[in-house]
Amino acid sequence: MRIVIAEVMHETNTFSNVPTTRELFELWEWARGGDIVRAHAGVRDFLGGMIDGARQRDIEVVGAFATNAYPAGTITKETFDAMQNELLEGIADAGKVDAICLSLHGAGVAEGADDLEGTLLKAVREQVGYDIPLIVTLDLHGNISDEMITEADILLGVHLYPHTDCYERGLEAVELAERMVKGELAPRMYRAVLPLMIPPSTTNLSPAKDINEACYKWEREPGMIDCAFFHGFPYTDIPEMSVTVVAVANNDAELAKRAALDVADLIWEKREEFSPKVLSPQQGLELAKAATTFPVVLNETSDNPGGGTPGDGTYLLRAMLEADLQDACFGFIFDPQVAAYAHEQGVGATIEVKLGGKTDHLHGEPIALTAYVKALTDGKFIVSSPMGKGTPVDLGKSVRLQANGVDILVCSVKTQVLDEQVFLLHGIDVTQYKIVCLKSSQHFRASFEPISAEIITVDSPGLTTLLFQTFDYQRLNRPIYPLDLVTRS
């Protein structure tokens, strides 16, 4: 048996003023053929799972095309056209295969293509037809469309947030593809759509944990293949944005429908439980200063680069510098200008800079800062988090500054903090600090929950704020809760 694998991954924040270009994709990955297999073998991600799954089953795996970019604004048409062409050419170049396994996101938006994934899947089907199995893995923040359901044989969503089960979904995709090729599986899918949007919700806590447990219960039913709770991506202003449930059964459409609708009913019953408790940076820091066990981790959810924000927001950092802290660190703020200047001045220098706040005015103004240059690095490390373990990261020129009792990391490439590696790179052991602040919504938890005494989420103006009412939604299907009063039949 022979399969082809590919990936086109982007979570699009349509409120961002930073268009996503080919250059932003190439910064992370733009690969064809054997380079894909070499890059992802041994990595705990979707493609890594597909590669291992194929090898475990003695299936030949061929790479087609793989690209991903950090979340930002709408993908330009030129970039989307190039990605689609690369994907189709890569599949064609793979020659005769028995199945296709694609790693997509579910919340991609390009100019002229609100439903990036559905558009790509339709293009693939037009090229290869409908006889070949097409299995798709998706992020749980996917906005699932009719076209995605129509064009794919199976949509597999990750269950966990942080996404520590991407690898397992990759393994499962290959297993299911093999079963389809052998004639053991005839998948039937059903999508239940809710007039609902929810904030980032970690799945080891209620209510998201309760929903997953309901999905797992259905998955134990004879004939069920998968049942996934898709949270949707609330920072995408498109008609398809919503919470959905996708269930897959073996040749039993009615079973899939019952499962999806049952879980959707439970989500709707618990909708108010998703309402977040919102603390300002100042309130969060006061709680942290009063703590008696350490470290206390504050995550700045409103400037989460993993959701398409600029990563140079200054609200939390400014509050730290004004809070008379000791044994506190902040990792990290995106500011390539300051990082480059610090490298020019060298370790031991005292520099005066305007830090952060350079992308827009929403995430705070630049901070006028006098700081000591403590350490300089190349920004390179290997991810140790269960999410994406083994992935190489290059944040470019990076620096550890010290000011007002705070160690501040500044890097040249934006990304959210997944684990403690960026701190260790700069000589900071977070377990020895009282207060650790970082930019992320949930993914950091996979690494930081085991080593922290407490986690406090702080919010402020930003493109991933928990307060949806601050966004000027124009295209959502309305009414939708919690923006509107909704009665669901």
Protein backbone atom coordinates (compact mmCIF):
# COMPACT_ATOMS: atom_id res chain seq x y z
CA MET A 1 0.00 0.00 0.00
CA ARG A 2 1.15 3.53 -0.79
CA ILE A 3 -0.13 6.85 0.61
CA VAL A 4 0.65 10.51 -0.02
CA ILE A 5 0.75 13.02 2.84
CA ALA A 6 0.56 16.82 2.77
CA GLU A 7 -0.04 19.80 5.03
CA VAL A 8 -1.40 23.32 4.57
CA MET A 9 -1.81 24.83 8.02
CA HIS A 10 -2.96 28.33 8.97
CA GLU A 11 -5.24 29.78 11.63
CA THR A 12 -6.36 33.13 10.24
CA ASN A 13 -7.28 36.07 12.47
CA THR A 14 -9.26 38.24 10.07
CA PHE A 15 -9.05 41.22 12.44
CA SER A 16 -5.25 41.38 12.11
CA ASN A 17 -3.74 44.14 9.98
CA VAL A 18 -0.82 41.88 9.01
CA PRO A 19 -1.56 40.02 5.74
CA THR A 20 -0.21 36.48 5.60
CA THR A 21 2.21 36.23 2.70
CA ARG A 22 4.30 33.46 1.21
CA GLU A 23 7.30 34.85 3.09
CA LEU A 24 5.54 34.21 6.41
CA PHE A 25 4.90 30.60 5.37
CA GLU A 26 8.47 30.13 4.18
CA LEU A 27 9.70 31.39 7.56
CA TRP A 28 8.35 28.16 9.09
CA GLU A 29 8.01 25.59 6.29
CA TRP A 30 7.57 25.36 2.53
CA ALA A 31 8.65 21.86 1.50
CA ARG A 32 8.08 19.23 -1.18
CA GLY A 33 8.64 15.49 -1.51
CA GLY A 34 11.18 13.71 0.64
CA ASP A 35 12.05 16.86 2.59
CA ILE A 36 8.67 16.57 4.32
CA VAL A 37 9.30 13.05 5.57
CA ARG A 38 12.81 13.94 6.75
CA ALA A 39 11.62 17.06 8.59
CA HIS A 40 8.69 15.47 10.42
CA ALA A 41 9.90 11.95 11.17
CA GLY A 42 10.20 11.64 14.94
CA VAL A 43 8.24 14.84 15.63
CA ARG A 44 5.02 14.76 17.66
CA ASP A 45 2.83 16.53 15.12
CA PHE A 46 0.20 15.49 12.56
CA LEU A 47 2.67 14.60 9.83
CA GLY A 48 4.97 12.86 12.29
CA GLY A 49 2.06 10.65 13.30
CA MET A 50 1.20 9.88 9.68
CA ILE A 51 4.82 8.95 8.92
CA ASP A 52 5.09 6.66 11.93
CA GLY A 53 1.65 5.20 11.27
CA ALA A 54 2.64 4.28 7.74
CA ARG A 55 5.94 2.74 8.83
CA GLN A 56 4.24 0.69 11.54
CA ARG A 57 1.94 -0.79 8.90
CA ASP A 58 4.63 -1.27 6.28
CA ILE A 59 2.95 1.35 4.08
CA GLU A 60 5.03 3.45 1.72
CA VAL A 61 4.61 7.15 2.47
CA VAL A 62 5.29 9.90 -0.06
CA GLY A 63 5.43 13.61 0.74
CA ALA A 64 3.53 16.00 -1.54
CA PHE A 65 3.70 19.52 -0.10
CA ALA A 66 3.88 20.95 3.41
CA THR A 67 3.60 24.51 4.60
CA ASN A 68 2.50 26.30 7.74
CA ALA A 69 2.68 29.83 9.02
CA TYR A 70 2.12 31.40 12.38
CA PRO A 71 -1.40 32.83 12.69
CA ALA A 72 -1.85 36.33 11.29
CA GLY A 73 -4.25 38.16 8.98
CA THR A 74 -5.96 37.00 5.80
CA ILE A 75 -3.77 35.02 3.40
CA THR A 76 -3.07 36.92 0.20
CA LYS A 77 -4.56 35.54 -3.03
CA GLU A 78 -1.12 35.16 -4.57
CA THR A 79 0.02 33.07 -1.61
CA PHE A 80 -3.09 30.91 -1.61
CA ASP A 81 -2.82 30.25 -5.34
CA ALA A 82 0.82 29.23 -4.90
CA MET A 83 -0.03 26.87 -2.03
CA GLN A 84 -2.87 25.26 -3.94
CA ASN A 85 -0.69 24.77 -7.02
CA GLU A 86 2.12 23.27 -4.93
CA LEU A 87 -0.32 20.91 -3.22
CA LEU A 88 -1.89 19.68 -6.47
CA GLU A 89 1.48 19.34 -8.21
CA GLY A 90 2.91 17.46 -5.24
CA ILE A 91 0.01 15.00 -5.25
CA ALA A 92 0.36 14.54 -9.00
CA ASP A 93 4.11 13.98 -8.70
CA ALA A 94 3.50 11.28 -6.09
CA GLY A 95 2.10 9.08 -8.83
CA LYS A 96 -0.32 6.25 -8.12
CA VAL A 97 -1.28 6.06 -4.44
CA ASP A 98 -3.96 4.19 -2.53
CA ALA A 99 -4.98 7.00 -0.18
CA ILE A 100 -4.38 10.66 0.67
CA CYS A 101 -3.84 11.96 4.22
CA LEU A 102 -3.95 15.75 4.59
CA SER A 103 -3.07 17.85 7.61
CA LEU A 104 -5.15 21.03 7.48
CA HIS A 105 -6.27 23.47 10.16
CA GLY A 106 -9.92 24.33 9.63
CA ALA A 107 -9.76 28.08 10.26
CA GLY A 108 -7.83 29.24 7.20
CA VAL A 109 -9.08 32.27 5.27
CA ALA A 110 -7.60 33.65 2.06
CA GLU A 111 -8.58 36.49 -0.23
CA GLY A 112 -11.42 35.04 -2.29
CA ALA A 113 -11.59 31.86 -0.18
CA ASP A 114 -13.40 32.17 3.17
CA ASP A 115 -13.23 28.39 3.51
CA LEU A 116 -9.60 27.67 2.66
CA GLU A 117 -9.79 24.01 3.62
CA GLY A 118 -13.01 23.33 1.74
CA THR A 119 -11.61 25.06 -1.33
CA LEU A 120 -8.41 22.98 -1.21
CA LEU A 121 -10.31 19.73 -0.69
CA LYS A 122 -12.58 20.45 -3.65
CA ALA A 123 -9.54 21.17 -5.83
CA VAL A 124 -7.93 17.90 -4.76
CA ARG A 125 -11.11 15.98 -5.55
CA GLU A 126 -11.34 17.58 -8.98
CA GLN A 127 -7.84 16.28 -9.64
CA VAL A 128 -7.98 12.75 -8.15
CA GLY A 129 -11.70 11.96 -8.16
CA TYR A 130 -13.83 10.42 -5.43
CA ASP A 131 -12.72 6.78 -5.48
CA ILE A 132 -9.52 7.35 -3.50
CA PRO A 133 -9.83 7.67 0.31
CA LEU A 134 -9.16 11.20 1.57
CA ILE A 135 -8.56 11.53 5.30
CA VAL A 136 -8.08 14.97 6.89
CA THR A 137 -6.72 15.87 10.32
CA LEU A 138 -7.83 19.21 11.77
CA ASP A 139 -7.19 21.56 14.67
CA LEU A 140 -10.05 21.67 17.17
CA HIS A 141 -10.40 25.40 16.42
CA GLY A 142 -11.57 24.60 12.91
CA ASN A 143 -14.69 26.25 11.54
CA ILE A 144 -16.18 23.20 9.84
CA SER A 145 -18.03 23.83 6.57
CA ASP A 146 -20.43 21.86 4.40
CA GLU A 147 -17.79 21.64 1.68
CA MET A 148 -15.26 20.08 4.05
CA ILE A 149 -17.81 17.42 4.99
CA THR A 150 -18.72 16.83 1.35
CA GLU A 151 -15.21 16.54 -0.07
CA ALA A 152 -13.41 14.58 2.67
CA ASP A 153 -14.15 10.97 3.59
CA ILE A 154 -13.17 11.53 7.22
CA LEU A 155 -12.43 14.68 9.25
CA LEU A 156 -10.43 13.94 12.39
CA GLY A 157 -10.19 16.72 14.94
CA VAL A 158 -7.75 16.84 17.83
CA HIS A 159 -9.56 16.39 21.13
CA LEU A 160 -7.13 18.18 23.42
CA TYR A 161 -6.27 21.82 24.04
CA PRO A 162 -3.30 22.18 24.43
CA HIS A 163 -3.03 20.07 21.28
CA THR A 164 -0.94 17.25 22.68
CA ASP A 165 -2.73 14.61 20.56
CA CYS A 166 -1.87 15.82 17.04
CA TYR A 167 0.53 12.89 16.65
CA GLU A 168 -2.20 10.43 17.63
CA ARG A 169 -4.60 11.90 15.05
CA GLY A 170 -1.90 11.41 12.43
CA LEU A 171 -1.52 7.77 13.43
CA GLU A 172 -5.30 7.34 13.33
CA ALA A 173 -5.56 8.91 9.87
CA VAL A 174 -3.28 6.25 8.38
CA GLU A 175 -5.04 3.44 10.24
CA LEU A 176 -8.42 4.55 8.89
CA ALA A 177 -7.03 5.03 5.38
CA GLU A 178 -5.76 1.45 5.42
CA ARG A 179 -9.14 0.15 6.60
CA MET A 180 -10.87 2.02 3.79
CA VAL A 181 -8.47 0.63 1.20
CA LYS A 182 -9.11 -2.90 2.50
CA GLY A 183 -12.86 -2.39 2.29
CA GLU A 184 -13.33 -2.66 6.06
CA LEU A 185 -14.59 0.89 6.52
CA ALA A 186 -17.27 2.93 4.76
CA PRO A 187 -17.29 6.21 6.74
CA ARG A 188 -20.42 8.30 7.17
CA MET A 189 -20.10 11.77 8.68
CA TYR A 190 -22.55 14.15 10.31
CA ARG A 191 -21.92 17.73 11.39
CA ALA A 192 -24.02 19.40 14.09
CA VAL A 193 -23.76 23.21 14.04
CA LEU A 194 -24.41 25.40 17.07
CA PRO A 195 -25.18 29.16 17.04
CA LEU A 196 -22.36 29.55 19.53
CA MET A 197 -18.86 30.95 19.92
CA ILE A 198 -16.65 30.13 22.89
CA PRO A 199 -13.34 31.50 24.21
CA PRO A 200 -10.14 29.43 24.33
CA SER A 201 -11.04 26.59 26.71
CA THR A 202 -8.52 24.09 28.01
CA THR A 203 -9.78 20.53 27.84
CA ASN A 204 -8.46 19.24 31.16
CA LEU A 205 -10.98 21.49 32.92
CA SER A 206 -14.77 21.68 32.79
CA PRO A 207 -16.81 22.39 30.76
CA ALA A 208 -14.65 21.37 27.78
CA LYS A 209 -13.49 18.28 29.66
CA ASP A 210 -17.11 17.19 30.13
CA ILE A 211 -17.84 17.58 26.42
CA ASN A 212 -14.83 15.47 25.48
CA GLU A 213 -15.90 12.75 27.89
CA ALA A 214 -19.28 12.66 26.14
CA CYS A 215 -17.47 12.32 22.80
CA TYR A 216 -15.31 9.48 24.14
CA LYS A 217 -18.43 7.68 25.40
CA TRP A 218 -19.91 7.77 21.92
CA GLU A 219 -16.63 6.56 20.41
CA ARG A 220 -16.96 3.39 22.49
CA GLU A 221 -20.25 2.55 20.76
CA PRO A 222 -20.01 -0.30 18.21
CA GLY A 223 -19.67 1.13 14.71
CA MET A 224 -18.47 4.58 15.83
CA ILE A 225 -15.18 5.82 14.39
CA ASP A 226 -14.75 9.31 15.80
CA CYS A 227 -16.65 12.06 17.58
CA ALA A 228 -14.97 15.47 17.80
CA PHE A 229 -15.93 18.73 19.51
CA PHE A 230 -14.70 21.60 17.32
CA HIS A 231 -14.46 24.80 19.37
CA GLY A 232 -14.32 27.01 16.28
CA PHE A 233 -12.02 30.02 15.93
CA PRO A 234 -13.86 33.10 17.22
CA TYR A 235 -11.36 35.57 15.75
CA THR A 236 -12.39 34.69 12.20
CA ASP A 237 -15.20 36.89 10.91
CA ILE A 238 -16.79 34.55 8.34
CA PRO A 239 -20.28 33.06 8.09
CA GLU A 240 -19.04 29.53 8.93
CA MET A 241 -17.53 30.52 12.30
CA SER A 242 -19.25 28.43 14.98
CA VAL A 243 -18.94 25.56 17.40
CA THR A 244 -19.59 22.23 15.70
CA VAL A 245 -19.56 18.51 16.45
CA VAL A 246 -18.46 16.06 13.77
CA ALA A 247 -19.20 12.37 14.22
CA VAL A 248 -18.05 9.53 11.96
CA ALA A 249 -19.57 6.04 11.91
CA ASN A 250 -18.91 2.95 9.83
CA ASN A 251 -21.61 2.75 7.17
CA ASP A 252 -24.21 4.12 9.59
CA ALA A 253 -25.27 7.70 8.90
CA GLU A 254 -27.99 7.59 11.55
CA LEU A 255 -25.53 6.61 14.29
CA ALA A 256 -23.23 9.48 13.33
CA LYS A 257 -26.16 11.89 13.43
CA ARG A 258 -27.34 10.72 16.85
CA ALA A 259 -23.87 11.09 18.32
CA ALA A 260 -23.25 14.56 16.91
CA LEU A 261 -26.63 15.91 17.98
CA ASP A 262 -26.36 14.41 21.47
CA VAL A 263 -22.98 16.05 22.11
CA ALA A 264 -24.21 19.33 20.58
CA ASP A 265 -27.14 19.33 23.02
CA LEU A 266 -24.73 18.96 25.94
CA ILE A 267 -22.56 21.83 24.68
CA TRP A 268 -25.60 24.06 24.41
CA GLU A 269 -26.71 23.18 27.95
CA LYS A 270 -23.28 24.18 29.23
CA ARG A 271 -22.81 27.30 27.06
CA GLU A 272 -22.83 29.73 29.98
CA GLU A 273 -20.09 27.74 31.74
CA PHE A 274 -17.66 28.79 29.00
CA SER A 275 -17.94 32.46 30.06
CA PRO A 276 -14.47 33.51 31.19
CA LYS A 277 -13.37 35.25 34.36
CA VAL A 278 -11.50 38.27 33.06
CA LEU A 279 -8.66 39.84 35.05
CA SER A 280 -6.58 42.85 34.06
CA PRO A 281 -2.76 42.61 34.13
CA GLN A 282 -2.71 44.71 37.28
CA GLN A 283 -5.25 42.47 39.03
CA GLY A 284 -3.37 39.36 38.01
CA LEU A 285 -0.08 40.73 39.31
CA GLU A 286 -1.61 41.66 42.66
CA LEU A 287 -2.78 38.06 43.08
CA ALA A 288 0.65 36.79 42.07
CA LYS A 289 2.44 39.07 44.55
CA ALA A 290 0.18 37.80 47.33
CA ALA A 291 0.92 34.15 46.55
CA THR A 292 2.95 32.04 48.99
CA THR A 293 4.00 29.24 46.62
CA PHE A 294 5.87 29.70 43.36
CA PRO A 295 6.29 30.07 40.49
CA VAL A 296 3.05 31.80 39.58
CA VAL A 297 2.54 31.93 35.82
CA LEU A 298 0.58 34.78 34.21
CA ASN A 299 -0.49 34.20 30.62
CA GLU A 300 -1.35 37.23 28.51
CA THR A 301 -4.20 35.69 26.54
CA SER A 302 -5.10 38.87 24.64
CA ASP A 303 -1.76 38.99 22.80
CA ASN A 304 -1.39 35.34 21.89
CA PRO A 305 0.65 35.05 18.67
CA GLY A 306 -0.82 31.57 18.34
CA GLY A 307 -4.13 33.27 17.60
CA GLY A 308 -2.84 35.83 15.14
CA THR A 309 -1.78 38.72 17.37
CA PRO A 310 1.40 40.76 16.80
CA GLY A 311 3.23 39.44 19.87
CA ASP A 312 4.54 42.93 20.69
CA GLY A 313 1.75 43.98 23.05
CA THR A 314 2.89 45.94 26.08
CA TYR A 315 0.01 45.95 28.60
CA LEU A 316 1.27 43.14 30.84
CA LEU A 317 4.95 44.04 30.56
CA ARG A 318 4.24 47.68 31.40
CA ALA A 319 2.24 46.59 34.45
CA MET A 320 5.16 44.39 35.55
CA LEU A 321 7.66 47.22 35.25
CA GLU A 322 5.40 49.43 37.34
CA ALA A 323 4.66 46.80 40.02
CA ASP A 324 7.91 46.84 42.02
CA LEU A 325 8.67 43.16 41.34
CA GLN A 326 11.65 40.97 42.13
CA ASP A 327 12.40 37.49 40.79
CA ALA A 328 10.08 38.03 37.84
CA CYS A 329 10.58 37.24 34.16
CA PHE A 330 8.70 37.94 30.95
CA GLY A 331 9.06 35.77 27.87
CA PHE A 332 8.82 37.06 25.32
CA ILE A 333 8.04 40.20 23.34
CA PHE A 334 8.51 40.35 19.58
CA ASP A 335 10.73 43.28 18.62
CA PRO A 336 13.45 42.54 16.04
CA GLN A 337 14.64 46.17 16.11
CA VAL A 338 15.40 46.10 19.82
CA ALA A 339 16.94 42.63 19.58
CA ALA A 340 19.25 43.75 16.78
CA TYR A 341 20.26 46.90 18.66
CA ALA A 342 21.06 44.90 21.79
CA HIS A 343 23.26 42.58 19.73
CA GLU A 344 25.09 45.61 18.34
CA GLN A 345 25.73 47.00 21.83
CA GLY A 346 26.73 43.67 23.39
CA VAL A 347 26.44 41.98 26.76
CA GLY A 348 27.04 44.37 29.64
CA ALA A 349 25.70 47.43 27.85
CA THR A 350 22.91 49.61 29.18
CA ILE A 351 20.55 50.59 26.38
CA GLU A 352 17.65 52.98 25.96
CA VAL A 353 14.93 51.69 23.65
CA LYS A 354 11.27 51.94 22.73
CA LEU A 355 10.15 48.34 23.29
CA GLY A 356 7.12 46.73 21.63
CA GLY A 357 3.91 48.35 20.44
CA LYS A 358 5.15 48.73 16.87
CA THR A 359 2.54 46.72 14.92
CA ASP A 360 -0.63 48.56 15.92
CA HIS A 361 -2.08 50.71 18.69
CA LEU A 362 -4.56 48.11 19.95
CA HIS A 363 -2.05 46.10 21.98
CA GLY A 364 -0.47 49.05 23.82
CA GLU A 365 2.05 51.78 23.12
CA PRO A 366 5.84 51.27 23.00
CA ILE A 367 7.58 51.24 26.39
CA ALA A 368 10.40 53.75 26.91
CA LEU A 369 12.91 51.50 28.64
CA THR A 370 16.41 51.73 30.05
CA ALA A 371 17.70 48.18 30.38
CA TYR A 372 20.84 46.14 31.01
CA VAL A 373 21.83 43.59 28.35
CA LYS A 374 22.33 40.37 30.30
CA ALA A 375 22.55 37.73 27.54
CA LEU A 376 22.45 37.39 23.75
CA THR A 377 21.46 34.26 21.81
CA ASP A 378 20.64 33.05 18.31
CA GLY A 379 17.07 32.14 19.34
CA LYS A 380 17.45 28.46 18.40
CA PHE A 381 16.15 25.56 20.46
CA ILE A 382 14.18 22.30 20.22
CA VAL A 383 10.60 22.11 21.52
CA SER A 384 10.29 19.90 24.61
CA SER A 385 6.55 20.37 25.13
CA PRO A 386 4.33 17.32 24.57
CA MET A 387 2.80 19.47 21.84
CA GLY A 388 5.18 19.31 18.90
CA LYS A 389 8.08 17.77 20.84
CA GLY A 390 11.18 17.60 18.70
CA THR A 391 10.33 20.58 16.49
CA PRO A 392 13.29 22.92 15.84
CA VAL A 393 12.56 26.61 16.50
CA ASP A 394 14.53 29.63 15.27
CA LEU A 395 13.46 32.95 16.81
CA GLY A 396 16.39 34.85 15.31
CA LYS A 397 18.49 37.32 17.27
CA SER A 398 17.24 37.27 20.86
CA VAL A 399 18.21 39.05 24.06
CA ARG A 400 17.66 38.95 27.80
CA LEU A 401 17.23 42.44 29.20
CA GLN A 402 16.96 43.42 32.85
CA ALA A 403 14.98 46.40 34.14
CA ASN A 404 12.99 47.25 37.27
CA GLY A 405 13.47 43.78 38.77
CA VAL A 406 12.21 42.01 35.64
CA ASP A 407 14.11 39.80 33.21
CA ILE A 408 12.67 40.52 29.76
CA LEU A 409 13.19 38.31 26.71
CA VAL A 410 13.02 39.98 23.30
CA CYS A 411 13.04 37.91 20.08
CA SER A 412 13.02 38.55 16.34
CA VAL A 413 10.35 36.04 15.27
CA LYS A 414 6.88 36.00 16.82
CA THR A 415 5.45 32.85 18.36
CA GLN A 416 3.62 31.94 21.52
CA VAL A 417 5.54 30.32 24.37
CA LEU A 418 4.97 26.55 24.47
CA ASP A 419 7.58 25.50 27.02
CA GLU A 420 10.47 26.74 29.14
CA GLN A 421 13.09 26.30 26.42
CA VAL A 422 13.20 29.97 25.37
CA PHE A 423 13.87 30.89 29.01
CA LEU A 424 16.55 28.23 29.47
CA LEU A 425 18.24 29.41 26.29
CA HIS A 426 18.80 32.77 27.98
CA GLY A 427 19.94 31.37 31.33
CA ILE A 428 16.59 31.58 33.12
CA ASP A 429 15.30 28.65 35.18
CA VAL A 430 11.63 29.53 35.58
CA THR A 431 11.26 27.23 38.59
CA GLN A 432 13.50 29.61 40.54
CA TYR A 433 11.38 32.69 39.82
CA LYS A 434 8.36 33.89 41.75
CA ILE A 435 6.45 35.32 38.78
CA VAL A 436 6.69 34.08 35.19
CA CYS A 437 4.78 35.96 32.50
CA LEU A 438 4.27 34.83 28.91
CA LYS A 439 2.14 35.29 25.81
CA SER A 440 -0.19 32.36 25.14
CA SER A 441 -3.81 31.36 25.69
CA GLN A 442 -3.68 27.64 26.48
CA HIS A 443 -0.84 25.77 24.75
CA PHE A 444 1.74 26.77 27.37
CA ARG A 445 -0.18 24.69 29.92
CA ALA A 446 1.17 21.41 28.57
CA SER A 447 4.63 22.32 29.89
CA PHE A 448 3.94 24.89 32.59
CA GLU A 449 1.12 23.26 34.58
CA PRO A 450 3.44 20.54 35.96
CA ILE A 451 6.02 23.08 37.14
CA SER A 452 3.87 26.00 38.33
CA ALA A 453 2.14 26.59 41.63
CA GLU A 454 -0.65 28.61 40.03
CA ILE A 455 -1.70 29.91 36.62
CA ILE A 456 -3.47 33.27 36.28
CA THR A 457 -4.93 34.39 32.95
CA VAL A 458 -4.88 38.13 32.30
CA ASP A 459 -6.70 39.98 29.55
CA SER A 460 -6.51 43.43 28.00
CA PRO A 461 -7.27 44.95 24.59
CA GLY A 462 -5.98 42.64 21.87
CA LEU A 463 -6.83 40.46 18.89
CA THR A 464 -7.32 37.41 21.10
CA THR A 465 -9.14 39.07 23.99
CA LEU A 466 -11.75 36.95 25.73
CA LEU A 467 -14.26 39.79 25.33
CA PHE A 468 -15.79 39.08 21.90
CA GLN A 469 -18.08 42.08 22.20
CA THR A 470 -15.10 44.35 21.50
CA PHE A 471 -14.84 43.08 17.89
CA ASP A 472 -16.76 44.57 14.97
CA TYR A 473 -18.14 41.36 13.49
CA GLN A 474 -19.72 41.98 10.09
CA ARG A 475 -20.10 38.58 8.47
CA LEU A 476 -21.02 36.03 11.14
CA ASN A 477 -24.25 34.11 10.78
CA ARG A 478 -26.43 35.81 13.39
CA PRO A 479 -27.83 35.42 15.94
CA ILE A 480 -24.95 33.75 17.76
CA TYR A 481 -24.37 33.38 21.50
CA PRO A 482 -22.96 35.21 23.48
CA LEU A 483 -23.20 38.20 21.13
CA ASP A 484 -26.96 37.72 20.81
CA LEU A 485 -29.85 36.23 22.72
CA VAL A 486 -30.39 32.88 21.04
CA THR A 487 -33.17 30.35 21.30
CA ARG A 488 -32.08 27.03 19.83
CA SER A 489 -34.83 24.77 18.54
